Protein backbone atom coordinates (compact mmCIF):
# COMPACT_ATOMS: atom_id res chain seq x y z
CA GLN A 1 -18.11 -16.90 0.15
CA LEU A 2 -16.10 -16.25 3.33
CA GLY A 3 -19.04 -14.68 5.10
CA LEU A 4 -17.55 -11.18 5.20
CA SER A 5 -19.70 -8.23 4.17
CA VAL A 6 -17.92 -5.91 1.74
CA PHE A 7 -18.44 -2.33 2.86
CA ALA A 8 -16.84 -0.80 -0.24
CA THR A 9 -14.64 -1.45 -3.26
CA ILE A 10 -11.82 1.08 -3.62
CA GLY A 11 -10.25 1.46 -7.05
CA LEU A 12 -6.55 1.21 -7.78
CA VAL A 13 -4.44 4.35 -7.35
CA ALA A 14 -1.00 4.09 -8.92
CA GLY A 15 1.87 4.30 -6.46
CA THR A 16 0.02 3.66 -3.19
CA PRO A 17 1.64 0.26 -2.46
CA GLN A 18 5.03 2.00 -2.30
CA ALA A 19 3.91 4.77 0.05
CA ARG A 20 5.88 3.33 2.97
CA LYS A 21 9.07 3.36 0.89
CA ALA A 22 8.61 6.88 -0.48
CA LYS A 23 10.44 9.75 1.21
CA GLY A 24 8.93 12.85 2.76
CA ALA A 25 5.30 13.86 3.26
CA LEU A 26 2.55 11.85 1.60
CA PRO A 27 -0.46 13.33 -0.25
CA ILE A 28 -4.02 12.59 0.86
CA HIS A 29 -5.93 11.41 -2.20
CA ALA A 30 -9.32 12.70 -1.02
CA LEU A 31 -7.84 16.21 -0.87
CA THR A 32 -5.68 16.17 -4.00
CA ASP A 33 -8.31 14.39 -6.16
CA PRO A 34 -11.72 15.16 -4.61
CA ASP A 35 -13.65 14.35 -7.80
CA ASP A 36 -11.91 11.05 -8.50
CA LEU A 37 -13.91 7.79 -8.45
CA VAL A 38 -11.64 6.49 -5.69
CA THR A 39 -12.59 9.43 -3.46
CA GLU A 40 -16.25 8.81 -4.25
CA ALA A 41 -15.75 5.19 -3.18
CA PHE A 42 -14.52 6.43 0.19
CA ARG A 43 -17.68 8.51 0.52
CA SER A 44 -19.68 5.36 -0.17
CA LEU A 45 -17.62 3.57 2.50
CA ARG A 46 -18.38 6.38 4.95
CA THR A 47 -22.11 5.87 4.38
CA SER A 48 -21.90 2.07 4.63
CA LEU A 49 -20.00 2.28 7.91
CA HIS A 50 -22.48 4.75 9.36
CA PHE A 51 -25.36 2.31 8.94
CA GLY A 52 -23.24 -0.75 9.64
CA MET A 53 -22.20 0.55 13.05
CA LEU A 54 -25.58 1.63 14.39
CA ASP A 55 -25.48 -1.15 17.00
CA ALA A 56 -21.74 -0.94 17.78
CA ARG A 57 -20.79 -0.40 21.43
CA THR A 58 -18.55 2.53 20.51
CA ARG A 59 -18.14 4.68 17.42
CA SER A 60 -14.63 3.40 16.90
CA ILE A 61 -13.18 1.06 14.28
CA ALA A 62 -9.90 -0.76 13.82
CA LEU A 63 -8.63 -1.22 10.27
CA THR A 64 -6.40 -4.26 9.87
CA SER A 65 -5.31 -6.74 7.21
CA ALA A 66 -3.74 -10.15 6.84
CA ALA A 67 -0.33 -8.90 5.70
CA PRO A 68 1.46 -5.58 5.06
CA GLU A 69 0.82 -3.38 2.00
CA ALA A 70 -2.90 -4.08 1.72
CA GLY A 71 -3.56 -0.34 1.94
CA LYS A 72 -4.66 0.15 5.56
CA SER A 73 -2.97 3.53 5.98
CA PHE A 74 -4.27 4.80 2.63
CA THR A 75 -7.77 3.64 3.57
CA ALA A 76 -7.63 5.05 7.09
CA VAL A 77 -6.49 8.55 6.19
CA ASN A 78 -8.87 8.98 3.25
CA LEU A 79 -11.83 7.63 5.19
CA ALA A 80 -11.00 10.03 8.01
CA VAL A 81 -10.92 12.99 5.60
CA VAL A 82 -14.22 12.26 3.83
CA ALA A 83 -15.91 11.61 7.19
CA ALA A 84 -14.72 14.97 8.49
CA GLN A 85 -15.82 16.64 5.25
CA SER A 86 -19.35 15.40 5.91
CA GLY A 87 -19.43 17.33 9.18
CA GLN A 88 -18.38 14.58 11.56
CA THR A 89 -15.72 15.09 14.18
CA VAL A 90 -13.07 12.44 13.55
CA CYS A 91 -9.96 11.23 15.36
CA LEU A 92 -7.50 9.19 13.31
CA VAL A 93 -5.26 7.10 15.58
CA ASP A 94 -2.08 5.47 14.33
CA ALA A 95 -2.23 2.37 16.52
CA ASP A 96 0.50 0.49 14.65
CA LEU A 97 3.06 0.84 17.43
CA ARG A 98 5.63 -1.10 15.40
CA ARG A 99 5.72 0.34 11.88
CA GLY A 100 3.04 3.05 11.74
CA TYR A 101 3.68 5.87 9.27
CA LEU A 102 0.37 7.78 9.17
CA ARG A 103 2.32 10.73 10.60
CA ARG A 104 3.74 11.36 7.14
CA TYR A 105 0.29 12.33 5.83
CA PHE A 106 0.23 15.09 8.48
CA ASN A 107 3.87 16.26 8.36
CA VAL A 108 4.46 15.04 11.91
CA GLU A 109 8.08 14.41 12.83
CA LYS A 110 9.20 10.94 13.86
CA GLY A 111 9.37 10.42 17.61
CA ARG A 112 6.77 13.04 18.49
CA PRO A 113 4.83 11.90 21.60
CA GLY A 114 1.54 10.17 20.85
CA LEU A 115 -0.55 7.10 21.56
CA ALA A 116 2.12 5.02 23.30
CA ASP A 117 3.02 7.93 25.56
CA VAL A 118 -0.64 8.61 26.45
CA ILE A 119 -1.26 4.96 27.40
CA ALA A 120 1.92 4.94 29.46
CA GLY A 121 0.66 8.00 31.35
CA GLU A 122 3.59 10.18 30.31
CA VAL A 123 1.56 12.86 28.49
CA GLY A 124 -2.05 14.01 28.29
CA LEU A 125 -4.25 13.41 25.24
CA ASP A 126 -4.70 17.10 24.43
CA ASP A 127 -0.94 17.59 24.53
CA VAL A 128 -0.37 15.24 21.58
CA LEU A 129 -3.44 15.56 19.34
CA VAL A 130 -2.54 17.08 15.97
CA ASP A 131 -4.90 19.29 13.94
CA GLY A 132 -5.79 17.74 10.59
CA PRO A 133 -5.78 19.58 7.26
CA ILE A 134 -9.56 20.17 7.46
CA PRO A 135 -11.90 21.23 10.30
CA GLY A 136 -13.18 18.42 12.50
CA LEU A 137 -10.21 16.10 11.96
CA LYS A 138 -7.63 15.32 14.65
CA PHE A 139 -4.67 12.95 14.43
CA LEU A 140 -3.05 10.93 17.20
CA PRO A 141 0.40 9.66 16.11
CA THR A 142 2.03 6.51 17.44
CA GLY A 143 4.48 8.35 19.63
CA ASN A 144 7.76 6.64 20.45
CA TYR A 145 7.65 2.98 19.45
CA PRO A 146 7.48 0.97 22.71
CA PRO A 147 9.32 -2.31 23.30
CA ASN A 148 6.04 -4.04 24.27
CA PRO A 149 3.19 -2.89 21.97
CA SER A 150 0.78 -5.77 22.67
CA GLU A 151 1.17 -5.45 26.43
CA LEU A 152 0.66 -1.70 26.21
CA LEU A 153 -2.60 -2.13 24.27
CA TRP A 154 -3.82 -4.67 26.85
CA ARG A 155 -3.76 -1.99 29.54
CA GLU A 156 -6.98 -0.53 30.87
CA GLU A 157 -5.58 2.86 29.85
CA PHE A 158 -6.12 1.97 26.18
CA SER A 159 -9.76 1.04 26.78
CA ALA A 160 -10.20 4.24 28.76
CA LEU A 161 -8.66 6.23 25.92
CA ILE A 162 -11.08 4.74 23.38
CA GLN A 163 -13.98 5.65 25.67
CA THR A 164 -12.65 9.19 25.99
CA LEU A 165 -12.32 9.54 22.22
CA ASP A 166 -15.80 8.07 21.77
CA ALA A 167 -17.22 10.79 24.02
CA ARG A 168 -15.40 13.55 22.15
CA PHE A 169 -15.60 12.45 18.51
CA ASP A 170 -18.29 11.13 16.18
CA LEU A 171 -15.85 8.59 14.75
CA THR A 172 -12.50 7.17 15.86
CA ILE A 173 -10.42 5.29 13.27
CA CYS A 174 -7.51 3.15 14.49
CA GLY A 175 -4.92 1.91 12.02
CA ALA A 176 -3.80 -1.50 13.32
CA PRO A 177 -0.93 -3.84 12.34
CA PRO A 178 -1.57 -6.97 10.23
CA VAL A 179 -3.24 -9.85 12.09
CA LEU A 180 -0.95 -12.61 10.80
CA ALA A 181 2.18 -10.77 11.91
CA VAL A 182 1.37 -9.77 15.51
CA THR A 183 -1.49 -9.96 18.04
CA ASP A 184 -2.02 -6.21 18.39
CA ALA A 185 -5.13 -6.07 16.17
CA VAL A 186 -6.78 -8.87 18.16
CA VAL A 187 -6.12 -7.01 21.40
CA MET A 188 -7.44 -3.80 19.90
CA GLY A 189 -10.50 -5.51 18.46
CA ARG A 190 -11.72 -6.40 21.93
CA THR A 191 -12.03 -2.68 22.74
CA VAL A 192 -13.19 -0.92 19.57
CA GLY A 193 -16.71 -0.98 18.20
CA ALA A 194 -15.86 -2.75 14.93
CA THR A 195 -12.89 -4.45 13.30
CA ILE A 196 -12.72 -4.11 9.54
CA VAL A 197 -10.40 -6.05 7.25
CA VAL A 198 -8.64 -4.39 4.30
CA VAL A 199 -8.13 -6.90 1.49
CA ARG A 200 -6.07 -5.99 -1.56
CA HIS A 201 -7.41 -7.07 -4.92
CA ASP A 202 -5.19 -9.48 -6.85
CA GLN A 203 -2.72 -9.60 -3.96
CA THR A 204 -4.32 -10.95 -0.78
CA PRO A 205 -4.82 -14.74 -1.10
CA VAL A 206 -8.12 -16.21 0.10
CA ALA A 207 -6.16 -18.51 2.43
CA GLU A 208 -4.71 -15.45 4.19
CA VAL A 209 -8.17 -13.99 4.72
CA GLN A 210 -9.34 -17.28 6.18
CA ALA A 211 -6.30 -17.39 8.48
CA LEU A 212 -7.02 -13.80 9.51
CA GLN A 213 -10.63 -14.69 10.36
CA ARG A 214 -9.49 -17.61 12.48
CA GLY A 215 -6.89 -15.46 14.24
CA LEU A 216 -9.42 -12.78 15.12
CA GLU A 217 -12.21 -15.15 16.14
CA THR A 218 -9.86 -17.23 18.29
CA GLY A 219 -9.19 -14.03 20.21
CA GLY A 220 -12.90 -13.33 20.58
CA VAL A 221 -13.09 -10.73 17.81
CA HIS A 222 -15.61 -11.10 15.00
CA PRO A 223 -14.69 -8.99 11.96
CA SER A 224 -17.56 -6.72 10.97
CA GLY A 225 -16.71 -6.74 7.30
CA ALA A 226 -14.12 -6.06 4.65
CA ILE A 227 -12.94 -3.36 2.26
CA LEU A 228 -11.72 -4.49 -1.15
CA ASN A 229 -8.85 -2.13 -1.92
CA GLY A 230 -6.82 -1.52 -5.08
CA PHE A 231 -9.47 -2.97 -7.39
CA ASP A 232 -8.20 -3.13 -10.97
CA PRO A 233 -11.00 -3.97 -13.45
CA ARG A 234 -8.40 -4.96 -16.05
CA LYS A 235 -7.35 -7.86 -13.83
CA ALA A 236 -10.91 -8.76 -12.89
CA LYS A 237 -12.16 -9.66 -16.37
CA GLY A 238 -13.39 -13.20 -16.48
CA SER A 239 -12.95 -13.75 -12.74
CA ALA A 240 -15.74 -14.80 -10.41
């Protein structure tokens, strides 16, 4: 009804909404439960994105949402893993320069140099890329949180970085902050090949999705589609 294509429906996994609040390293569902229906849904998402991005200007995507706790980080890391498992070379970028915590899926210590430091010209890309848990997967952490994330992402250095990653990897996945909170995702969307919205079942109001669409399109970014995350069939009975 909102005009957004749904690339995939990801089932509910107990405990994922509290991942940010949990302590220590976080498990990657696609690795701990490879035969689960949720992991199979990520494989379906991988296929949908492959065909949905055939005309994209770069093989890079930004995953965003209307508000926090929609499951962007969970979606990003599991999509990155199943894409790498299919033989693609993948770079997962934690581009939430305010509250990003993807590092915890890779046992990367807080404050390790990363994206912000590369854009600022303080370190080289190869100095901060982290090997993933499977061949073909690399991870670029946020680095030290900067005082001016939006301004940093506006720099030509960020666009140049995306082009560099596009030349080196089959797929680049950027985890972005929520659209209704800050402008970072809009800035990022002007550079990446596709912006995809993560919507959480039974949690994200339709009005928020509409506001997100307006926010992106006002900034010149047209969302390519959506991912329905945390789908619980028990709560969907009788709904449209």
